[in-house]
Amino acid sequence: MVTFPPCKINLGLHVLSKRSDGYHDLSTCFYPLPFTDVLEILPAETWSFTQTGIPVPGSEADNLCSKAYHLLKNDFAIGSIRMHLHKIVPMGAGLGGGSSDAAYVLRSLNQIFNLNLSTEKLMQYASRLGSDCAFFIQDQPQMGSGRGEILSDASVSLKGWYCVLIKPPVHVSTAEAYAGIVPAKPTDELSTILKLPIDQWRTRLINDFETSVFKKHPEIKVAKDSLYECGATYASMTGSGAAVYGIFKNEVDVRSQFSGQWLWSGQL
C-alpha cells in the first residue's frame, strides 16, 4: 500500500495558558496541504524500515513511523511489514510532517490488517504519538484545542485559493519557540475570526509564536513580508516555524524571488 501523508498549516495559533503537566493549552485551526511525503507499507516475513529523501535524525526506534507500528502491534496480532518512507516535507518547519507520517502508518495498518478501528479509536492512538498526530487521521480542516489533540470540525474553506510555502534556511526548535511565549487569551475567538473574509485576516488572524521567533530569526519575518509584497492576501508563519505560507487569489510563481527557500505551491 502506498499513501501520501500531507502536511498542514496553522490558520491562527494562540497559546492560552501553561498546564500543570508542562504542556500548553492552545487554540488553532489545522488546515491540510497536498504537499506530501510518500509512505509504502507491505506485509513481509520480517520487520524492516527504510528511509530516503530528507534524512531523519535519530535511531529507527525513535522514528514516529516505527513507533506507530509497534503501538498497534502491542494491542493487535498484526504481522511483520516492510515499511519505506520517502521524506519530502522538511522537519523543524511547523508543517507536522512527522506526525502525518505516523498517522498514515496507523491508517494503513488498519486497512492492511482489517483491524476495523473507528476514526475515534485511530485518533486516540495517534494522540499518544504526538500532539498534532490525531489531526491527520481525517483529511479535513479542524479546530485544535488542549495540546492540539482535542479536535472539532472547522467551518473554513480555502478551496480555489492558491498557497505558497517558503522555508528560510533556519531551524526553530519547539522548546526555543515556547521559551519566548507569554500565554494569554486572545480578544476574539479564533473561530469568529475565521468567519471573516480572508482579506480581513491580515491584522486579526495571529500566530502567537511570531513575535518571539521573528526576534531570533528575522529572516522568517522577511520571508513573510515578502509574500505580502508578492501579492498574498494573507501570510503567516505556521506552527512554531520556520516555514511561512502565503494565500493568493490567483496562481503565482515566486521561485525566483525565494531562491533556495521555496518548498511548494499549489491550489487548495
Protein backbone atom coordinates (compact mmCIF):
# COMPACT_ATOMS: atom_id res chain seq x y z
CA MET A 1 0.00 0.00 0.00
CA VAL A 2 1.34 3.40 -0.99
CA THR A 3 -0.01 6.55 0.67
CA PHE A 4 0.91 10.22 0.55
CA PRO A 5 0.91 11.79 4.05
CA PRO A 6 0.16 15.52 3.70
CA CYS A 7 1.40 18.39 5.80
CA LYS A 8 -0.59 21.15 7.49
CA ILE A 9 -0.57 24.85 8.09
CA ASN A 10 -1.99 26.66 11.11
CA LEU A 11 -4.62 29.30 10.48
CA GLY A 12 -4.00 31.28 13.63
CA LEU A 13 -2.33 29.88 16.75
CA HIS A 14 -2.94 31.16 20.26
CA VAL A 15 -1.05 29.93 23.33
CA LEU A 16 -3.64 30.31 26.07
CA SER A 17 -2.03 29.00 29.27
CA LYS A 18 0.69 26.84 30.79
CA ARG A 19 -0.57 23.49 32.06
CA SER A 20 0.44 21.60 35.18
CA ASP A 21 1.81 18.77 33.01
CA GLY A 22 4.33 21.11 31.38
CA TYR A 23 2.40 21.46 28.12
CA HIS A 24 0.41 24.48 26.97
CA ASP A 25 -3.25 24.88 26.11
CA LEU A 26 -3.62 26.04 22.52
CA SER A 27 -6.25 27.28 20.13
CA THR A 28 -5.60 26.82 16.42
CA CYS A 29 -7.06 25.72 13.13
CA PHE A 30 -5.22 22.92 11.33
CA TYR A 31 -5.56 23.03 7.55
CA PRO A 32 -4.22 20.18 5.36
CA LEU A 33 -1.98 20.89 2.38
CA PRO A 34 -1.39 18.49 -0.54
CA PHE A 35 2.39 18.74 -0.08
CA THR A 36 3.26 15.18 0.88
CA ASP A 37 5.75 12.54 1.86
CA VAL A 38 5.49 9.05 0.33
CA LEU A 39 4.87 6.02 2.53
CA GLU A 40 4.87 2.40 1.38
CA ILE A 41 3.83 -0.48 3.65
CA LEU A 42 3.78 -4.12 2.55
CA PRO A 43 3.25 -7.35 4.54
CA ALA A 44 6.59 -9.14 4.95
CA GLU A 45 8.28 -12.09 6.66
CA THR A 46 10.31 -9.81 8.94
CA TRP A 47 10.02 -6.22 10.12
CA SER A 48 12.09 -3.62 8.28
CA PHE A 49 12.06 0.15 7.98
CA THR A 50 13.98 2.11 5.35
CA GLN A 51 14.02 5.80 4.54
CA THR A 52 15.11 8.02 1.65
CA GLY A 53 14.77 11.71 0.82
CA ILE A 54 15.48 14.21 3.59
CA PRO A 55 17.46 12.36 6.30
CA VAL A 56 15.52 11.90 9.53
CA PRO A 57 17.82 12.17 12.57
CA GLY A 58 17.73 9.63 15.37
CA SER A 59 17.52 5.86 15.54
CA GLU A 60 14.92 3.67 13.85
CA ALA A 61 13.30 3.06 17.24
CA ASP A 62 12.86 6.81 17.70
CA ASN A 63 11.16 7.30 14.34
CA LEU A 64 7.45 8.07 14.68
CA CYS A 65 6.59 5.63 11.88
CA SER A 66 8.27 2.82 13.75
CA LYS A 67 6.58 3.88 16.99
CA ALA A 68 3.19 3.87 15.28
CA TYR A 69 3.68 0.30 14.03
CA HIS A 70 4.80 -1.02 17.42
CA LEU A 71 1.99 0.86 19.18
CA LEU A 72 -0.62 -1.15 17.25
CA LYS A 73 1.41 -4.35 17.35
CA ASN A 74 1.30 -4.22 21.14
CA ASP A 75 -2.50 -4.40 21.06
CA PHE A 76 -3.25 -6.44 17.93
CA ALA A 77 -1.93 -9.60 16.31
CA ILE A 78 -0.64 -7.85 13.23
CA GLY A 79 2.13 -9.38 11.16
CA SER A 80 5.52 -8.06 10.15
CA ILE A 81 5.76 -5.39 7.49
CA ARG A 82 8.27 -3.76 5.20
CA MET A 83 7.93 0.00 5.51
CA HIS A 84 9.62 2.64 3.40
CA LEU A 85 9.34 6.39 3.94
CA HIS A 86 10.44 8.88 1.31
CA LYS A 87 10.75 12.17 3.19
CA ILE A 88 9.93 15.36 1.30
CA VAL A 89 8.30 17.62 3.92
CA PRO A 90 11.11 19.22 5.96
CA MET A 91 11.40 18.91 9.72
CA GLY A 92 11.58 21.85 12.11
CA ALA A 93 9.24 23.78 9.83
CA GLY A 94 5.92 23.73 11.71
CA LEU A 95 4.32 21.60 8.99
CA GLY A 96 3.63 18.46 11.03
CA GLY A 97 5.20 16.10 8.50
CA GLY A 98 6.42 13.55 11.04
CA SER A 99 3.05 13.49 12.76
CA SER A 100 1.34 12.96 9.43
CA ASP A 101 3.65 10.05 8.57
CA ALA A 102 2.84 8.37 11.88
CA ALA A 103 -0.90 8.89 11.45
CA TYR A 104 -0.78 7.39 7.97
CA VAL A 105 1.05 4.34 9.32
CA LEU A 106 -1.90 3.80 11.68
CA ARG A 107 -4.40 4.33 8.86
CA SER A 108 -2.57 1.95 6.54
CA LEU A 109 -2.18 -0.80 9.12
CA ASN A 110 -5.86 -0.51 9.94
CA GLN A 111 -6.66 -1.29 6.30
CA ILE A 112 -3.96 -3.86 5.58
CA PHE A 113 -4.77 -6.00 8.62
CA ASN A 114 -8.54 -5.34 8.67
CA LEU A 115 -8.47 -4.04 12.23
CA ASN A 116 -11.76 -2.17 11.76
CA LEU A 117 -10.67 0.61 14.08
CA SER A 118 -13.02 3.57 14.11
CA THR A 119 -11.83 7.09 13.33
CA GLU A 120 -12.20 7.94 17.01
CA LYS A 121 -10.06 4.96 18.06
CA LEU A 122 -7.39 5.78 15.49
CA MET A 123 -7.32 9.34 16.81
CA GLN A 124 -6.82 8.03 20.34
CA TYR A 125 -3.81 6.01 19.23
CA ALA A 126 -2.46 8.93 17.21
CA SER A 127 -2.66 11.33 20.16
CA ARG A 128 -0.31 9.02 22.06
CA LEU A 129 2.34 9.63 19.41
CA GLY A 130 2.20 13.42 19.26
CA SER A 131 0.02 16.42 19.95
CA ASP A 132 -0.97 17.03 16.33
CA CYS A 133 -0.93 13.40 15.09
CA ALA A 134 -4.66 12.95 15.61
CA PHE A 135 -5.42 15.73 13.13
CA PHE A 136 -4.02 13.67 10.26
CA ILE A 137 -6.42 10.77 10.84
CA GLN A 138 -9.03 12.79 8.94
CA ASP A 139 -8.48 14.74 5.73
CA GLN A 140 -10.28 17.94 6.64
CA PRO A 141 -9.71 21.28 8.42
CA GLN A 142 -10.17 21.06 12.17
CA MET A 143 -10.05 23.30 15.20
CA GLY A 144 -7.49 22.16 17.74
CA SER A 145 -7.52 22.78 21.47
CA GLY A 146 -5.84 21.30 24.52
CA ARG A 147 -2.33 20.35 23.39
CA GLY A 148 -3.74 20.28 19.87
CA GLU A 149 -5.17 16.79 20.23
CA ILE A 150 -8.76 17.87 21.03
CA LEU A 151 -10.34 18.34 17.62
CA SER A 152 -13.60 19.59 16.20
CA ASP A 153 -14.80 20.43 12.70
CA ALA A 154 -13.73 23.82 11.36
CA SER A 155 -16.12 25.75 9.15
CA VAL A 156 -13.43 27.25 6.95
CA SER A 157 -12.56 26.54 3.33
CA LEU A 158 -9.71 27.81 1.15
CA LYS A 159 -10.94 25.90 -1.87
CA GLY A 160 -9.93 27.68 -5.06
CA TRP A 161 -7.20 29.76 -3.37
CA TYR A 162 -3.50 29.20 -4.02
CA CYS A 163 -0.90 28.59 -1.36
CA VAL A 164 2.85 29.16 -1.43
CA LEU A 165 5.15 27.58 1.19
CA ILE A 166 8.52 29.14 1.96
CA LYS A 167 11.15 27.93 4.44
CA PRO A 168 14.12 30.15 5.25
CA PRO A 169 17.32 28.15 5.92
CA VAL A 170 16.90 28.09 9.71
CA HIS A 171 15.60 25.53 12.20
CA VAL A 172 13.31 26.58 15.05
CA SER A 173 13.06 24.05 17.87
CA THR A 174 9.74 23.77 19.66
CA ALA A 175 11.44 24.42 23.01
CA GLU A 176 13.05 27.57 21.63
CA ALA A 177 9.72 28.84 20.33
CA TYR A 178 7.89 28.24 23.61
CA ALA A 179 10.67 29.88 25.63
CA GLY A 180 9.66 33.28 24.29
CA ILE A 181 5.91 32.86 24.74
CA VAL A 182 3.78 34.69 27.31
CA PRO A 183 0.44 32.80 27.37
CA ALA A 184 -2.67 34.95 27.11
CA LYS A 185 -6.27 34.67 25.98
CA PRO A 186 -6.99 36.48 22.71
CA THR A 187 -9.52 39.29 22.39
CA ASP A 188 -11.51 37.41 19.74
CA GLU A 189 -12.22 33.71 19.42
CA LEU A 190 -10.32 32.10 16.57
CA SER A 191 -13.50 30.56 15.16
CA THR A 192 -15.01 34.05 14.93
CA ILE A 193 -12.04 35.48 13.05
CA LEU A 194 -12.03 32.61 10.57
CA LYS A 195 -15.57 33.51 9.53
CA LEU A 196 -14.35 36.90 8.28
CA PRO A 197 -13.37 37.41 4.62
CA ILE A 198 -9.76 36.36 4.04
CA ASP A 199 -8.73 39.91 3.17
CA GLN A 200 -9.55 40.85 6.79
CA TRP A 201 -7.32 38.18 8.31
CA ARG A 202 -4.05 40.11 7.98
CA THR A 203 -4.38 42.11 11.20
CA ARG A 204 -6.61 39.73 13.12
CA LEU A 205 -5.55 36.12 12.45
CA ILE A 206 -2.41 35.88 14.56
CA ASN A 207 0.22 33.23 15.31
CA ASP A 208 1.45 33.98 18.84
CA PHE A 209 4.86 32.43 18.12
CA GLU A 210 5.72 35.04 15.51
CA THR A 211 6.71 37.80 17.95
CA SER A 212 9.44 35.86 19.73
CA VAL A 213 10.56 33.74 16.77
CA PHE A 214 10.90 36.76 14.47
CA LYS A 215 13.19 38.43 17.03
CA LYS A 216 15.58 35.48 16.98
CA HIS A 217 15.20 34.69 13.28
CA PRO A 218 14.43 37.93 11.41
CA GLU A 219 14.81 36.13 8.06
CA ILE A 220 11.47 34.41 8.75
CA LYS A 221 9.75 37.78 9.10
CA VAL A 222 11.45 38.92 5.89
CA ALA A 223 10.00 35.87 4.11
CA LYS A 224 6.50 36.62 5.43
CA ASP A 225 6.72 40.28 4.43
CA SER A 226 8.00 39.28 1.00
CA LEU A 227 4.94 37.06 0.44
CA TYR A 228 2.75 40.11 1.01
CA GLU A 229 4.92 42.08 -1.42
CA CYS A 230 4.28 39.32 -3.97
CA GLY A 231 0.53 39.86 -3.61
CA ALA A 232 -0.56 37.45 -0.88
CA THR A 233 -3.98 38.19 0.59
CA TYR A 234 -2.83 36.60 3.84
CA ALA A 235 0.54 35.33 5.08
CA SER A 236 1.66 33.74 8.33
CA MET A 237 4.22 31.53 9.98
CA THR A 238 2.89 28.01 10.53
CA GLY A 239 3.22 26.26 13.87
CA SER A 240 6.33 27.35 15.72
CA GLY A 241 8.17 27.89 12.42
CA ALA A 242 10.31 28.10 10.43
CA ALA A 243 8.02 27.79 7.38
CA VAL A 244 5.72 30.61 6.31
CA TYR A 245 2.87 30.48 3.84
CA GLY A 246 1.01 32.91 1.65
CA ILE A 247 -2.59 32.61 0.46
CA PHE A 248 -3.13 34.08 -3.02
CA LYS A 249 -6.27 34.68 -5.08
CA ASN A 250 -4.51 33.60 -8.27
CA GLU A 251 -1.70 31.24 -9.20
CA VAL A 252 1.74 32.77 -8.76
CA ASP A 253 5.32 31.67 -9.39
CA VAL A 254 7.62 33.12 -6.76
CA ARG A 255 10.51 30.67 -7.05
CA SER A 256 12.86 33.30 -8.44
CA GLN A 257 12.11 35.63 -5.51
CA PHE A 258 12.69 32.87 -2.97
CA SER A 259 15.68 31.02 -4.39
CA GLY A 260 16.66 28.22 -2.02
CA GLN A 261 13.60 28.79 0.19
CA TRP A 262 10.61 27.77 -1.94
CA LEU A 263 9.05 24.46 -0.85
CA TRP A 264 5.72 24.09 -2.61
CA SER A 265 2.90 25.94 -4.29
CA GLY A 266 -0.48 24.79 -5.50
CA GLN A 267 -4.22 25.20 -5.47
CA LEU A 268 -6.12 24.34 -2.33
